[in-house]
Amino acid sequence: MEQTSKKTIVSLKDIFIKFDGEVILNHINLDINEKEFVTILGPSGCGKTTTLRIIGGFVEPDSGDVIFGGKRINGTPPNKRNVNTVFQKYSLFPHLNVFDNVAFGLKLKKMPKDEIKKRVTDMLATVDLKGYEKRSVAKLSGGQQQRVAIARALALNPDVLCFDEPTSALDPELTGEVLNVIRSLKTSDSTMIVVTHEIEFARDVADKIIFMADGVIAEEGTPEQVINNPQNPRTQAFLSRFN
């Protein structure tokens, strides 16, 4: 009987980092597999965003190794990693319309114009913004702006797509539309890593949940294991606030 093993795409090995004398990540180890949908949960200040920023190349650890596709990539800048990040505050270019925002990275790669047009059109359809190409991003709702940011990240066809609390800046009524778009991406070829405080979303969508506390990974496993049956007292205490 043939067995298939999951291939690890990102590994963090003994990652340690501190800011201003405060330990942010205390020798964490993490493996993320290809096409896996991972959510990272935990209280504010536990190291979730720093973990994501280290994977994306925006922060360098003080020690430890970042492995991507079997190769150590410490010191490799974000634009040289096949990782894209969707941030809390959209980070769109206000002077560019929707089309040019999504096309920005493709133009930097000098992709042919007809291919750029097709890719942008396809990505906007994916995030349910077909026909918005000429709109000013400043005139879009927060939810629409975040969906443009997702389309821009998707356009470069990253191996790993990171989301840093993508709904934290949104009104509750706009949160659902962004989460639905992210949920729909689970069938894509990219690996998804989502830092979120949306517990029910994590329960419904994640293949693996990482729970962080005080700069360490306190617990990891399936939603059934981590959310429905947590073993670590810190996980239990955190989740009890949502019951």
Protein backbone atom coordinates (compact mmCIF):
# COMPACT_ATOMS: atom_id res chain seq x y z
CA MET A 1 0.00 0.00 0.00
CA GLU A 2 1.51 3.31 -1.07
CA GLN A 3 2.02 5.90 1.63
CA THR A 4 2.23 9.61 1.00
CA SER A 5 4.14 11.81 3.41
CA LYS A 6 3.58 15.52 3.78
CA LYS A 7 6.49 17.67 2.66
CA THR A 8 7.66 20.37 5.03
CA ILE A 9 7.94 23.77 3.34
CA VAL A 10 8.82 26.05 6.29
CA SER A 11 10.78 25.14 9.42
CA LEU A 12 11.78 27.35 12.31
CA LYS A 13 14.63 25.77 14.25
CA ASP A 14 15.41 26.99 17.77
CA ILE A 15 14.36 30.58 16.98
CA PHE A 16 15.27 33.12 19.66
CA ILE A 17 14.72 36.87 19.54
CA LYS A 18 14.44 39.69 22.04
CA PHE A 19 13.61 43.38 21.69
CA ASP A 20 14.88 45.95 24.20
CA GLY A 21 15.92 43.20 26.57
CA GLU A 22 12.53 41.45 26.48
CA VAL A 23 12.43 37.88 25.13
CA ILE A 24 9.82 37.71 22.34
CA LEU A 25 10.43 34.18 21.02
CA ASN A 26 12.15 31.74 23.34
CA HIS A 27 13.77 29.00 21.24
CA ILE A 28 10.68 27.95 19.27
CA ASN A 29 10.55 25.09 16.77
CA LEU A 30 7.85 24.85 14.13
CA ASP A 31 7.28 22.80 10.96
CA ILE A 32 4.66 23.79 8.38
CA ASN A 33 3.80 21.47 5.50
CA GLU A 34 3.03 22.23 1.87
CA LYS A 35 -0.56 23.32 1.22
CA GLU A 36 -1.29 23.25 4.94
CA PHE A 37 -3.71 25.82 6.41
CA VAL A 38 -2.22 26.89 9.73
CA THR A 39 -3.67 29.35 12.22
CA ILE A 40 -1.67 30.89 15.05
CA LEU A 41 -3.63 31.82 18.17
CA GLY A 42 -2.62 33.38 21.46
CA PRO A 43 -2.87 36.48 23.65
CA SER A 44 -1.46 39.84 22.61
CA GLY A 45 2.30 40.04 22.93
CA CYS A 46 2.85 36.28 22.82
CA GLY A 47 5.04 36.37 19.68
CA LYS A 48 2.50 35.52 16.94
CA THR A 49 3.25 38.46 14.65
CA THR A 50 7.00 38.21 15.22
CA THR A 51 6.87 34.56 14.14
CA LEU A 52 5.08 35.58 10.94
CA ARG A 53 7.52 38.43 10.29
CA ILE A 54 10.49 36.09 10.69
CA ILE A 55 8.98 33.72 8.11
CA GLY A 56 8.35 36.65 5.77
CA GLY A 57 11.86 38.05 6.18
CA PHE A 58 10.87 41.35 7.82
CA VAL A 59 12.59 40.45 11.10
CA GLU A 60 15.81 38.49 11.64
CA PRO A 61 16.07 36.23 14.70
CA ASP A 62 18.97 36.67 17.12
CA SER A 63 19.67 32.96 16.76
CA GLY A 64 18.17 29.88 15.15
CA ASP A 65 17.51 28.86 11.56
CA VAL A 66 14.72 29.67 9.11
CA ILE A 67 14.43 26.83 6.59
CA PHE A 68 12.42 27.19 3.39
CA GLY A 69 12.14 24.24 1.01
CA GLY A 70 15.06 22.58 2.78
CA LYS A 71 17.38 25.62 2.49
CA ARG A 72 18.42 28.03 5.21
CA ILE A 73 17.20 31.51 4.27
CA ASN A 74 18.33 33.66 7.21
CA GLY A 75 19.27 37.07 5.84
CA THR A 76 17.30 36.62 2.62
CA PRO A 77 15.16 39.78 2.09
CA PRO A 78 11.36 39.53 1.76
CA ASN A 79 11.35 40.16 -1.99
CA LYS A 80 13.69 37.21 -2.51
CA ARG A 81 11.45 34.75 -0.65
CA ASN A 82 8.42 33.15 -2.29
CA VAL A 83 6.37 34.32 0.68
CA ASN A 84 3.80 37.12 0.64
CA THR A 85 2.21 38.76 3.66
CA VAL A 86 -1.18 40.44 4.03
CA PHE A 87 -0.94 42.97 6.87
CA GLN A 88 -3.50 44.32 9.32
CA LYS A 89 -3.63 47.77 7.70
CA TYR A 90 -3.78 46.77 4.00
CA SER A 91 -0.56 48.62 3.00
CA LEU A 92 -2.06 49.63 -0.34
CA PHE A 93 -0.69 52.45 -2.49
CA PRO A 94 -3.29 55.26 -2.14
CA HIS A 95 -2.25 56.98 -5.38
CA LEU A 96 -2.83 53.84 -7.47
CA ASN A 97 -6.16 52.37 -8.52
CA VAL A 98 -7.21 48.81 -7.73
CA PHE A 99 -5.71 47.35 -10.92
CA ASP A 100 -2.33 49.01 -10.43
CA ASN A 101 -2.16 47.98 -6.78
CA VAL A 102 -2.70 44.33 -7.66
CA ALA A 103 -0.35 44.58 -10.66
CA PHE A 104 2.45 46.30 -8.75
CA GLY A 105 4.58 43.25 -7.99
CA LEU A 106 3.95 41.75 -11.41
CA LYS A 107 5.26 44.90 -13.09
CA LEU A 108 8.39 44.77 -10.95
CA LYS A 109 8.95 41.26 -12.29
CA LYS A 110 8.54 42.66 -15.82
CA MET A 111 5.74 40.27 -16.68
CA PRO A 112 4.17 40.82 -20.15
CA LYS A 113 1.25 43.27 -20.12
CA ASP A 114 -1.32 40.81 -21.40
CA GLU A 115 -0.30 38.30 -18.73
CA ILE A 116 -0.51 40.99 -16.04
CA LYS A 117 -4.01 41.92 -17.18
CA LYS A 118 -5.18 38.32 -17.06
CA ARG A 119 -3.58 37.65 -13.68
CA VAL A 120 -5.07 40.81 -12.13
CA THR A 121 -8.51 40.05 -13.56
CA ASP A 122 -8.37 36.49 -12.24
CA MET A 123 -7.22 37.56 -8.78
CA LEU A 124 -9.92 40.22 -8.46
CA ALA A 125 -12.51 37.63 -9.41
CA THR A 126 -11.08 35.34 -6.71
CA VAL A 127 -11.66 37.99 -4.03
CA ASP A 128 -15.08 38.94 -5.47
CA LEU A 129 -14.00 42.35 -6.79
CA LYS A 130 -14.45 41.79 -10.51
CA GLY A 131 -15.07 45.09 -12.27
CA TYR A 132 -13.31 47.19 -9.62
CA GLU A 133 -10.11 47.63 -11.63
CA LYS A 134 -10.41 51.40 -12.12
CA ARG A 135 -11.70 52.24 -8.63
CA SER A 136 -9.65 54.40 -6.29
CA VAL A 137 -8.61 52.31 -3.31
CA ALA A 138 -9.29 55.32 -1.07
CA LYS A 139 -13.00 55.04 -1.93
CA LEU A 140 -13.29 51.36 -1.00
CA SER A 141 -14.52 50.02 2.31
CA GLY A 142 -12.00 48.51 4.70
CA GLY A 143 -13.14 45.03 3.74
CA GLN A 144 -12.73 45.78 0.05
CA GLN A 145 -9.28 47.27 0.63
CA GLN A 146 -8.19 44.16 2.49
CA ARG A 147 -9.49 41.99 -0.36
CA VAL A 148 -7.41 44.07 -2.80
CA ALA A 149 -4.40 43.42 -0.57
CA ILE A 150 -5.15 39.69 -0.68
CA ALA A 151 -5.46 39.80 -4.48
CA ARG A 152 -2.11 41.61 -4.71
CA ALA A 153 -0.45 38.94 -2.55
CA LEU A 154 -2.05 36.11 -4.53
CA ALA A 155 -1.04 37.59 -7.88
CA LEU A 156 2.60 36.66 -7.31
CA ASN A 157 1.63 33.01 -6.79
CA PRO A 158 3.55 32.61 -3.52
CA ASP A 159 4.39 29.23 -2.07
CA VAL A 160 3.46 30.60 1.36
CA LEU A 161 0.83 33.25 2.03
CA CYS A 162 0.86 34.84 5.50
CA PHE A 163 -1.96 36.84 7.07
CA ASP A 164 -1.24 39.01 10.10
CA GLU A 165 -4.60 39.45 11.86
CA PRO A 166 -6.24 40.43 8.56
CA THR A 167 -9.58 41.41 10.15
CA SER A 168 -8.38 43.27 13.25
CA ALA A 169 -8.77 46.69 11.61
CA LEU A 170 -12.26 45.94 10.26
CA ASP A 171 -15.73 46.59 11.60
CA PRO A 172 -17.52 43.37 12.59
CA GLU A 173 -19.81 43.47 9.55
CA LEU A 174 -16.79 43.56 7.20
CA THR A 175 -14.89 40.81 8.99
CA GLY A 176 -17.05 38.05 7.54
CA GLU A 177 -16.45 39.01 3.90
CA VAL A 178 -12.66 38.91 4.35
CA LEU A 179 -12.74 35.62 6.29
CA ASN A 180 -14.90 34.09 3.56
CA VAL A 181 -12.29 35.03 0.94
CA ILE A 182 -9.49 33.53 3.04
CA ARG A 183 -11.59 30.42 3.63
CA SER A 184 -12.05 30.03 -0.14
CA LEU A 185 -8.26 30.04 -0.62
CA LYS A 186 -7.86 26.79 1.26
CA THR A 187 -8.17 24.92 -2.04
CA SER A 188 -5.31 26.93 -3.62
CA ASP A 189 -1.78 25.65 -4.09
CA SER A 190 -0.33 28.02 -1.48
CA THR A 191 0.44 27.21 2.12
CA MET A 192 -1.57 29.53 4.39
CA ILE A 193 -0.41 30.84 7.77
CA VAL A 194 -2.99 33.02 9.50
CA VAL A 195 -2.44 34.90 12.75
CA THR A 196 -5.95 35.53 14.01
CA HIS A 197 -8.14 36.08 17.04
CA GLU A 198 -11.16 34.57 15.24
CA ILE A 199 -11.50 31.30 17.17
CA GLU A 200 -14.48 29.91 15.25
CA PHE A 201 -12.79 30.64 11.94
CA ALA A 202 -9.70 28.75 13.12
CA ARG A 203 -11.84 25.84 14.28
CA ASP A 204 -13.67 25.63 10.95
CA VAL A 205 -10.79 26.09 8.51
CA ALA A 206 -7.40 25.18 9.99
CA ASP A 207 -5.58 21.93 9.34
CA LYS A 208 -3.26 22.78 12.23
CA ILE A 209 -3.52 25.26 15.08
CA ILE A 210 -0.50 26.71 16.88
CA PHE A 211 -1.22 28.21 20.30
CA MET A 212 1.47 30.58 21.56
CA ALA A 213 1.98 32.06 25.01
CA ASP A 214 4.89 33.97 26.53
CA GLY A 215 7.11 33.51 23.50
CA VAL A 216 6.78 29.75 23.22
CA ILE A 217 4.53 27.31 21.38
CA ALA A 218 2.40 26.00 24.23
CA GLU A 219 0.32 23.62 22.14
CA GLU A 220 -0.19 22.54 18.55
CA GLY A 221 -2.44 20.10 16.77
CA THR A 222 -5.74 19.84 14.95
CA PRO A 223 -8.68 22.11 15.86
CA GLU A 224 -10.22 19.11 17.63
CA GLN A 225 -7.10 18.74 19.78
CA VAL A 226 -6.27 22.38 20.52
CA ILE A 227 -9.65 24.11 20.64
CA ASN A 228 -12.05 21.32 21.61
CA ASN A 229 -9.71 19.45 23.94
CA PRO A 230 -6.78 21.68 25.04
CA GLN A 231 -4.21 20.10 27.35
CA ASN A 232 -2.02 23.05 28.27
CA PRO A 233 -3.33 25.22 31.16
CA ARG A 234 -2.43 28.40 29.24
CA THR A 235 -4.47 27.24 26.24
CA GLN A 236 -7.37 26.32 28.50
CA ALA A 237 -7.30 29.71 30.24
CA PHE A 238 -7.16 31.62 26.95
CA LEU A 239 -9.97 29.69 25.28
CA SER A 240 -12.20 29.87 28.37
CA ARG A 241 -12.65 33.59 27.66
CA PHE A 242 -14.44 32.73 24.41
CA ASN A 243 -16.87 30.16 25.81
